[in-house]
Amino acid sequence: MTCQEFVELVTAYLEDVLSDADRRAFEDHMSLCPGCEDYLDQFRTTIDVLGELPEVTLSEPGRRRLLDAFSGWHHNRSPESP
């Protein structure tokens, strides 16, 4: 599993919807890649902190700008970067 694949599966991992084989591959990668382990920890922290906010707190224009920014960020990252 690459770091890119790891990042793409983080939500599924946390929601416990990965197949047994994918879960093993995910956890094997995490055990060998400190950067991805840190990424997962940061993702969990973000969920813990933001999980306390009301769901609707972002204006539609703000939401579009944020999604556009993340879209551009995703395309500019190297395949092995979390």
PDB file of N, CA and C in Angstrom:
ATOM      1  N   MET A   1       0.849  -1.177   0.000  1.00  0.00           N
ATOM      2  CA  MET A   1       0.000   0.000   0.000  1.00  0.00           C
ATOM      3  C   MET A   1       0.891   1.234   0.000  1.00  0.00           C
ATOM      4  N   THR A   2       0.520   2.207  -0.800  1.00  0.00           N
ATOM      5  CA  THR A   2       1.254   3.471  -0.841  1.00  0.00           C
ATOM      6  C   THR A   2       0.658   4.442   0.183  1.00  0.00           C
ATOM      7  N   CYS A   3       1.381   5.501   0.436  1.00  0.00           N
ATOM      8  CA  CYS A   3       0.868   6.546   1.330  1.00  0.00           C
ATOM      9  C   CYS A   3      -0.413   7.156   0.762  1.00  0.00           C
ATOM     10  N   GLN A   4      -0.469   7.355  -0.542  1.00  0.00           N
ATOM     11  CA  GLN A   4      -1.663   7.908  -1.189  1.00  0.00           C
ATOM     12  C   GLN A   4      -2.869   6.997  -0.936  1.00  0.00           C
ATOM     13  N   GLU A   5      -2.692   5.700  -1.114  1.00  0.00           N
ATOM     14  CA  GLU A   5      -3.788   4.756  -0.867  1.00  0.00           C
ATOM     15  C   GLU A   5      -4.204   4.795   0.601  1.00  0.00           C
ATOM     16  N   PHE A   6      -3.226   4.893   1.485  1.00  0.00           N
ATOM     17  CA  PHE A   6      -3.498   4.987   2.920  1.00  0.00           C
ATOM     18  C   PHE A   6      -4.403   6.174   3.214  1.00  0.00           C
ATOM     19  N   VAL A   7      -4.016   7.339   2.699  1.00  0.00           N
ATOM     20  CA  VAL A   7      -4.782   8.575   2.928  1.00  0.00           C
ATOM     21  C   VAL A   7      -6.214   8.427   2.411  1.00  0.00           C
ATOM     22  N   GLU A   8      -6.356   7.810   1.260  1.00  0.00           N
ATOM     23  CA  GLU A   8      -7.682   7.639   0.669  1.00  0.00           C
ATOM     24  C   GLU A   8      -8.571   6.686   1.480  1.00  0.00           C
ATOM     25  N   LEU A   9      -7.966   5.829   2.292  1.00  0.00           N
ATOM     26  CA  LEU A   9      -8.737   4.850   3.066  1.00  0.00           C
ATOM     27  C   LEU A   9      -8.934   5.226   4.532  1.00  0.00           C
ATOM     28  N   VAL A  10      -8.391   6.350   4.961  1.00  0.00           N
ATOM     29  CA  VAL A  10      -8.471   6.725   6.376  1.00  0.00           C
ATOM     30  C   VAL A  10      -9.912   6.771   6.881  1.00  0.00           C
ATOM     31  N   THR A  11     -10.792   7.421   6.168  1.00  0.00           N
ATOM     32  CA  THR A  11     -12.180   7.532   6.621  1.00  0.00           C
ATOM     33  C   THR A  11     -12.833   6.153   6.710  1.00  0.00           C
ATOM     34  N   ALA A  12     -12.629   5.327   5.701  1.00  0.00           N
ATOM     35  CA  ALA A  12     -13.203   3.975   5.722  1.00  0.00           C
ATOM     36  C   ALA A  12     -12.642   3.177   6.895  1.00  0.00           C
ATOM     37  N   TYR A  13     -11.360   3.357   7.185  1.00  0.00           N
ATOM     38  CA  TYR A  13     -10.743   2.669   8.327  1.00  0.00           C
ATOM     39  C   TYR A  13     -11.402   3.111   9.635  1.00  0.00           C
ATOM     40  N   LEU A  14     -11.536   4.404   9.805  1.00  0.00           N
ATOM     41  CA  LEU A  14     -12.120   4.918  11.049  1.00  0.00           C
ATOM     42  C   LEU A  14     -13.602   4.553  11.178  1.00  0.00           C
ATOM     43  N   GLU A  15     -14.285   4.393  10.054  1.00  0.00           N
ATOM     44  CA  GLU A  15     -15.693   3.998  10.082  1.00  0.00           C
ATOM     45  C   GLU A  15     -15.863   2.479  10.124  1.00  0.00           C
ATOM     46  N   ASP A  16     -14.742   1.761  10.141  1.00  0.00           N
ATOM     47  CA  ASP A  16     -14.719   0.301  10.237  1.00  0.00           C
ATOM     48  C   ASP A  16     -15.493  -0.372   9.104  1.00  0.00           C
ATOM     49  N   VAL A  17     -15.265   0.099   7.879  1.00  0.00           N
ATOM     50  CA  VAL A  17     -15.945  -0.487   6.726  1.00  0.00           C
ATOM     51  C   VAL A  17     -14.965  -1.115   5.721  1.00  0.00           C
ATOM     52  N   LEU A  18     -13.692  -1.224   6.080  1.00  0.00           N
ATOM     53  CA  LEU A  18     -12.728  -1.876   5.199  1.00  0.00           C
ATOM     54  C   LEU A  18     -12.891  -3.388   5.271  1.00  0.00           C
ATOM     55  N   SER A  19     -12.591  -4.047   4.167  1.00  0.00           N
ATOM     56  CA  SER A  19     -12.540  -5.510   4.188  1.00  0.00           C
ATOM     57  C   SER A  19     -11.396  -5.935   5.108  1.00  0.00           C
ATOM     58  N   ASP A  20     -11.404  -7.183   5.517  1.00  0.00           N
ATOM     59  CA  ASP A  20     -10.329  -7.676   6.384  1.00  0.00           C
ATOM     60  C   ASP A  20      -8.969  -7.516   5.715  1.00  0.00           C
ATOM     61  N   ALA A  21      -8.891  -7.816   4.416  1.00  0.00           N
ATOM     62  CA  ALA A  21      -7.615  -7.702   3.692  1.00  0.00           C
ATOM     63  C   ALA A  21      -7.153  -6.244   3.619  1.00  0.00           C
ATOM     64  N   ASP A  22      -8.082  -5.332   3.333  1.00  0.00           N
ATOM     65  CA  ASP A  22      -7.714  -3.912   3.269  1.00  0.00           C
ATOM     66  C   ASP A  22      -7.308  -3.386   4.641  1.00  0.00           C
ATOM     67  N   ARG A  23      -7.995  -3.822   5.688  1.00  0.00           N
ATOM     68  CA  ARG A  23      -7.646  -3.406   7.045  1.00  0.00           C
ATOM     69  C   ARG A  23      -6.231  -3.874   7.396  1.00  0.00           C
ATOM     70  N   ARG A  24      -5.914  -5.111   7.064  1.00  0.00           N
ATOM     71  CA  ARG A  24      -4.566  -5.632   7.339  1.00  0.00           C
ATOM     72  C   ARG A  24      -3.514  -4.837   6.570  1.00  0.00           C
ATOM     73  N   ALA A  25      -3.780  -4.572   5.286  1.00  0.00           N
ATOM     74  CA  ALA A  25      -2.826  -3.801   4.482  1.00  0.00           C
ATOM     75  C   ALA A  25      -2.657  -2.391   5.048  1.00  0.00           C
ATOM     76  N   PHE A  26      -3.762  -1.789   5.465  1.00  0.00           N
ATOM     77  CA  PHE A  26      -3.741  -0.445   6.056  1.00  0.00           C
ATOM     78  C   PHE A  26      -2.888  -0.446   7.326  1.00  0.00           C
ATOM     79  N   GLU A  27      -3.145  -1.392   8.211  1.00  0.00           N
ATOM     80  CA  GLU A  27      -2.418  -1.452   9.484  1.00  0.00           C
ATOM     81  C   GLU A  27      -0.957  -1.849   9.277  1.00  0.00           C
ATOM     82  N   ASP A  28      -0.691  -2.720   8.297  1.00  0.00           N
ATOM     83  CA  ASP A  28       0.699  -3.068   7.982  1.00  0.00           C
ATOM     84  C   ASP A  28       1.458  -1.836   7.501  1.00  0.00           C
ATOM     85  N   HIS A  29       0.841  -1.069   6.615  1.00  0.00           N
ATOM     86  CA  HIS A  29       1.493   0.147   6.115  1.00  0.00           C
ATOM     87  C   HIS A  29       1.747   1.119   7.268  1.00  0.00           C
ATOM     88  N   MET A  30       0.748   1.295   8.114  1.00  0.00           N
ATOM     89  CA  MET A  30       0.880   2.235   9.232  1.00  0.00           C
ATOM     90  C   MET A  30       2.029   1.817  10.153  1.00  0.00           C
ATOM     91  N   SER A  31       2.208   0.523  10.351  1.00  0.00           N
ATOM     92  CA  SER A  31       3.275   0.058  11.244  1.00  0.00           C
ATOM     93  C   SER A  31       4.663   0.324  10.665  1.00  0.00           C
ATOM     94  N   LEU A  32       4.741   0.512   9.344  1.00  0.00           N
ATOM     95  CA  LEU A  32       6.029   0.747   8.693  1.00  0.00           C
ATOM     96  C   LEU A  32       6.262   2.203   8.310  1.00  0.00           C
ATOM     97  N   CYS A  33       5.232   3.032   8.445  1.00  0.00           N
ATOM     98  CA  CYS A  33       5.313   4.413   7.952  1.00  0.00           C
ATOM     99  C   CYS A  33       4.909   5.388   9.061  1.00  0.00           C
ATOM    100  N   PRO A  34       5.879   5.942   9.772  1.00  0.00           N
ATOM    101  CA  PRO A  34       5.553   6.874  10.855  1.00  0.00           C
ATOM    102  C   PRO A  34       4.759   8.100  10.382  1.00  0.00           C
ATOM    103  N   GLY A  35       4.992   8.563   9.158  1.00  0.00           N
ATOM    104  CA  GLY A  35       4.260   9.716   8.651  1.00  0.00           C
ATOM    105  C   GLY A  35       2.774   9.433   8.523  1.00  0.00           C
ATOM    106  N   CYS A  36       2.426   8.244   8.061  1.00  0.00           N
ATOM    107  CA  CYS A  36       1.013   7.883   7.930  1.00  0.00           C
ATOM    108  C   CYS A  36       0.382   7.638   9.296  1.00  0.00           C
ATOM    109  N   GLU A  37       1.150   7.086  10.206  1.00  0.00           N
ATOM    110  CA  GLU A  37       0.641   6.912  11.570  1.00  0.00           C
ATOM    111  C   GLU A  37       0.332   8.272  12.187  1.00  0.00           C
ATOM    112  N   ASP A  38       1.227   9.244  11.992  1.00  0.00           N
ATOM    113  CA  ASP A  38       0.983  10.608  12.479  1.00  0.00           C
ATOM    114  C   ASP A  38      -0.241  11.214  11.801  1.00  0.00           C
ATOM    115  N   TYR A  39      -0.384  10.977  10.495  1.00  0.00           N
ATOM    116  CA  TYR A  39      -1.532  11.499   9.755  1.00  0.00           C
ATOM    117  C   TYR A  39      -2.833  10.965  10.349  1.00  0.00           C
ATOM    118  N   LEU A  40      -2.881   9.676  10.627  1.00  0.00           N
ATOM    119  CA  LEU A  40      -4.077   9.085  11.219  1.00  0.00           C
ATOM    120  C   LEU A  40      -4.356   9.699  12.588  1.00  0.00           C
ATOM    121  N   ASP A  41      -3.323   9.891  13.394  1.00  0.00           N
ATOM    122  CA  ASP A  41      -3.504  10.525  14.709  1.00  0.00           C
ATOM    123  C   ASP A  41      -4.050  11.947  14.556  1.00  0.00           C
ATOM    124  N   GLN A  42      -3.513  12.703  13.605  1.00  0.00           N
ATOM    125  CA  GLN A  42      -3.992  14.069  13.363  1.00  0.00           C
ATOM    126  C   GLN A  42      -5.439  14.061  12.876  1.00  0.00           C
ATOM    127  N   PHE A  43      -5.783  13.097  12.052  1.00  0.00           N
ATOM    128  CA  PHE A  43      -7.149  12.978  11.545  1.00  0.00           C
ATOM    129  C   PHE A  43      -8.110  12.701  12.698  1.00  0.00           C
ATOM    130  N   ARG A  44      -7.711  11.796  13.578  1.00  0.00           N
ATOM    131  CA  ARG A  44      -8.547  11.484  14.754  1.00  0.00           C
ATOM    132  C   ARG A  44      -8.721  12.713  15.643  1.00  0.00           C
ATOM    133  N   THR A  45      -7.644  13.447  15.869  1.00  0.00           N
ATOM    134  CA  THR A  45      -7.709  14.655  16.689  1.00  0.00           C
ATOM    135  C   THR A  45      -8.647  15.675  16.068  1.00  0.00           C
ATOM    136  N   THR A  46      -8.544  15.852  14.758  1.00  0.00           N
ATOM    137  CA  THR A  46      -9.420  16.789  14.053  1.00  0.00           C
ATOM    138  C   THR A  46     -10.877  16.391  14.226  1.00  0.00           C
ATOM    139  N   ILE A  47     -11.171  15.122  14.073  1.00  0.00           N
ATOM    140  CA  ILE A  47     -12.542  14.634  14.245  1.00  0.00           C
ATOM    141  C   ILE A  47     -13.021  14.882  15.669  1.00  0.00           C
ATOM    142  N   ASP A  48     -12.167  14.606  16.644  1.00  0.00           N
ATOM    143  CA  ASP A  48     -12.544  14.817  18.043  1.00  0.00           C
ATOM    144  C   ASP A  48     -12.866  16.287  18.311  1.00  0.00           C
ATOM    145  N   VAL A  49     -12.042  17.189  17.792  1.00  0.00           N
ATOM    146  CA  VAL A  49     -12.229  18.616  18.038  1.00  0.00           C
ATOM    147  C   VAL A  49     -13.418  19.154  17.248  1.00  0.00           C
ATOM    148  N   LEU A  50     -13.476  18.836  15.968  1.00  0.00           N
ATOM    149  CA  LEU A  50     -14.530  19.384  15.117  1.00  0.00           C
ATOM    150  C   LEU A  50     -15.854  18.656  15.279  1.00  0.00           C
ATOM    151  N   GLY A  51     -15.816  17.476  15.832  1.00  0.00           N
ATOM    152  CA  GLY A  51     -17.047  16.729  16.034  1.00  0.00           C
ATOM    153  C   GLY A  51     -17.996  17.423  16.991  1.00  0.00           C
ATOM    154  N   GLU A  52     -17.490  18.398  17.731  1.00  0.00           N
ATOM    155  CA  GLU A  52     -18.311  19.127  18.688  1.00  0.00           C
ATOM    156  C   GLU A  52     -18.974  20.356  18.070  1.00  0.00           C
ATOM    157  N   LEU A  53     -18.626  20.707  16.842  1.00  0.00           N
ATOM    158  CA  LEU A  53     -19.212  21.871  16.184  1.00  0.00           C
ATOM    159  C   LEU A  53     -20.534  21.489  15.525  1.00  0.00           C
ATOM    160  N   PRO A  54     -21.454  22.439  15.441  1.00  0.00           N
ATOM    161  CA  PRO A  54     -22.691  22.156  14.701  1.00  0.00           C
ATOM    162  C   PRO A  54     -22.357  21.840  13.241  1.00  0.00           C
ATOM    163  N   GLU A  55     -23.167  21.012  12.620  1.00  0.00           N
ATOM    164  CA  GLU A  55     -22.882  20.569  11.262  1.00  0.00           C
ATOM    165  C   GLU A  55     -22.872  21.708  10.262  1.00  0.00           C
ATOM    166  N   VAL A  56     -23.823  22.625  10.346  1.00  0.00           N
ATOM    167  CA  VAL A  56     -23.924  23.711   9.375  1.00  0.00           C
ATOM    168  C   VAL A  56     -23.307  24.971   9.981  1.00  0.00           C
ATOM    169  N   THR A  57     -22.031  25.213   9.662  1.00  0.00           N
ATOM    170  CA  THR A  57     -21.364  26.402  10.170  1.00  0.00           C
ATOM    171  C   THR A  57     -20.613  27.142   9.070  1.00  0.00           C
ATOM    172  N   LEU A  58     -20.702  26.668   7.839  1.00  0.00           N
ATOM    173  CA  LEU A  58     -19.947  27.227   6.744  1.00  0.00           C
ATOM    174  C   LEU A  58     -20.902  27.716   5.663  1.00  0.00           C
ATOM    175  N   SER A  59     -20.696  28.939   5.209  1.00  0.00           N
ATOM    176  CA  SER A  59     -21.540  29.463   4.130  1.00  0.00           C
ATOM    177  C   SER A  59     -21.270  28.675   2.850  1.00  0.00           C
ATOM    178  N   GLU A  60     -22.201  28.718   1.933  1.00  0.00           N
ATOM    179  CA  GLU A  60     -22.026  28.000   0.661  1.00  0.00           C
ATOM    180  C   GLU A  60     -20.817  28.507  -0.121  1.00  0.00           C
ATOM    181  N   PRO A  61     -20.602  29.829  -0.231  1.00  0.00           N
ATOM    182  CA  PRO A  61     -19.389  30.287  -0.926  1.00  0.00           C
ATOM    183  C   PRO A  61     -18.114  29.833  -0.208  1.00  0.00           C
ATOM    184  N   GLY A  62     -18.124  29.854   1.116  1.00  0.00           N
ATOM    185  CA  GLY A  62     -16.972  29.379   1.876  1.00  0.00           C
ATOM    186  C   GLY A  62     -16.730  27.899   1.655  1.00  0.00           C
ATOM    187  N   ARG A  63     -17.805  27.138   1.622  1.00  0.00           N
ATOM    188  CA  ARG A  63     -17.706  25.695   1.382  1.00  0.00           C
ATOM    189  C   ARG A  63     -17.093  25.431   0.006  1.00  0.00           C
ATOM    190  N   ARG A  64     -17.559  26.153  -1.010  1.00  0.00           N
ATOM    191  CA  ARG A  64     -17.023  25.969  -2.373  1.00  0.00           C
ATOM    192  C   ARG A  64     -15.539  26.321  -2.432  1.00  0.00           C
ATOM    193  N   ARG A  65     -15.145  27.427  -1.791  1.00  0.00           N
ATOM    194  CA  ARG A  65     -13.728  27.815  -1.781  1.00  0.00           C
ATOM    195  C   ARG A  65     -12.877  26.752  -1.098  1.00  0.00           C
ATOM    196  N   LEU A  66     -13.369  26.222   0.009  1.00  0.00           N
ATOM    197  CA  LEU A  66     -12.628  25.192   0.731  1.00  0.00           C
ATOM    198  C   LEU A  66     -12.500  23.923  -0.109  1.00  0.00           C
ATOM    199  N   LEU A  67     -13.589  23.487  -0.720  1.00  0.00           N
ATOM    200  CA  LEU A  67     -13.534  22.292  -1.567  1.00  0.00           C
ATOM    201  C   LEU A  67     -12.611  22.502  -2.761  1.00  0.00           C
ATOM    202  N   ASP A  68     -12.640  23.690  -3.350  1.00  0.00           N
ATOM    203  CA  ASP A  68     -11.736  23.993  -4.463  1.00  0.00           C
ATOM    204  C   ASP A  68     -10.280  23.947  -4.008  1.00  0.00           C
ATOM    205  N   ALA A  69     -10.017  24.485  -2.824  1.00  0.00           N
ATOM    206  CA  ALA A  69      -8.651  24.476  -2.302  1.00  0.00           C
ATOM    207  C   ALA A  69      -8.169  23.050  -2.070  1.00  0.00           C
ATOM    208  N   PHE A  70      -9.013  22.215  -1.496  1.00  0.00           N
ATOM    209  CA  PHE A  70      -8.621  20.825  -1.256  1.00  0.00           C
ATOM    210  C   PHE A  70      -8.461  20.072  -2.566  1.00  0.00           C
ATOM    211  N   SER A  71      -9.285  20.369  -3.542  1.00  0.00           N
ATOM    212  CA  SER A  71      -9.169  19.724  -4.843  1.00  0.00           C
ATOM    213  C   SER A  71      -7.817  20.045  -5.469  1.00  0.00           C
ATOM    214  N   GLY A  72      -7.417  21.297  -5.425  1.00  0.00           N
ATOM    215  CA  GLY A  72      -6.121  21.691  -5.955  1.00  0.00           C
ATOM    216  C   GLY A  72      -4.978  21.105  -5.161  1.00  0.00           C
ATOM    217  N   TRP A  73      -5.134  21.020  -3.859  1.00  0.00           N
ATOM    218  CA  TRP A  73      -4.104  20.460  -2.989  1.00  0.00           C
ATOM    219  C   TRP A  73      -3.889  18.989  -3.322  1.00  0.00           C
ATOM    220  N   HIS A  74      -4.961  18.250  -3.507  1.00  0.00           N
ATOM    221  CA  HIS A  74      -4.876  16.822  -3.797  1.00  0.00           C
ATOM    222  C   HIS A  74      -4.120  16.570  -5.097  1.00  0.00           C
ATOM    223  N   HIS A  75      -4.356  17.373  -6.117  1.00  0.00           N
ATOM    224  CA  HIS A  75      -3.733  17.168  -7.412  1.00  0.00           C
ATOM    225  C   HIS A  75      -2.260  17.593  -7.424  1.00  0.00           C
ATOM    226  N   ASN A  76      -1.861  18.426  -6.489  1.00  0.00           N
ATOM    227  CA  ASN A  76      -0.483  18.912  -6.451  1.00  0.00           C
ATOM    228  C   ASN A  76       0.417  18.122  -5.524  1.00  0.00           C
ATOM    229  N   ARG A  77      -0.120  17.129  -4.850  1.00  0.00           N
ATOM    230  CA  ARG A  77       0.672  16.324  -3.917  1.00  0.00           C
ATOM    231  C   ARG A  77       1.342  15.180  -4.668  1.00  0.00           C
ATOM    232  N   SER A  78       2.506  14.746  -4.176  1.00  0.00           N
ATOM    233  CA  SER A  78       3.151  13.583  -4.777  1.00  0.00           C
ATOM    234  C   SER A  78       2.408  12.326  -4.332  1.00  0.00           C
ATOM    235  N   PRO A  79       2.456  11.247  -5.106  1.00  0.00           N
ATOM    236  CA  PRO A  79       1.699  10.036  -4.783  1.00  0.00           C
ATOM    237  C   PRO A  79       2.082   9.409  -3.450  1.00  0.00           C
ATOM    238  N   GLU A  80       3.278   9.647  -2.967  1.00  0.00           N
ATOM    239  CA  GLU A  80       3.710   9.017  -1.722  1.00  0.00           C
ATOM    240  C   GLU A  80       3.565   9.920  -0.498  1.00  0.00           C
ATOM    241  N   SER A  81       3.017  11.107  -0.666  1.00  0.00           N
ATOM    242  CA  SER A  81       2.874  12.043   0.460  1.00  0.00           C
ATOM    243  C   SER A  81       1.520  11.896   1.092  1.00  0.00           C
ATOM    244  N   PRO A  82       1.444  11.769   2.433  1.00  0.00           N
ATOM    245  CA  PRO A  82       0.136  11.751   3.102  1.00  0.00           C
ATOM    246  C   PRO A  82      -0.473  13.120   3.170  1.00  0.00           C
TER     247      PRO A  82
END
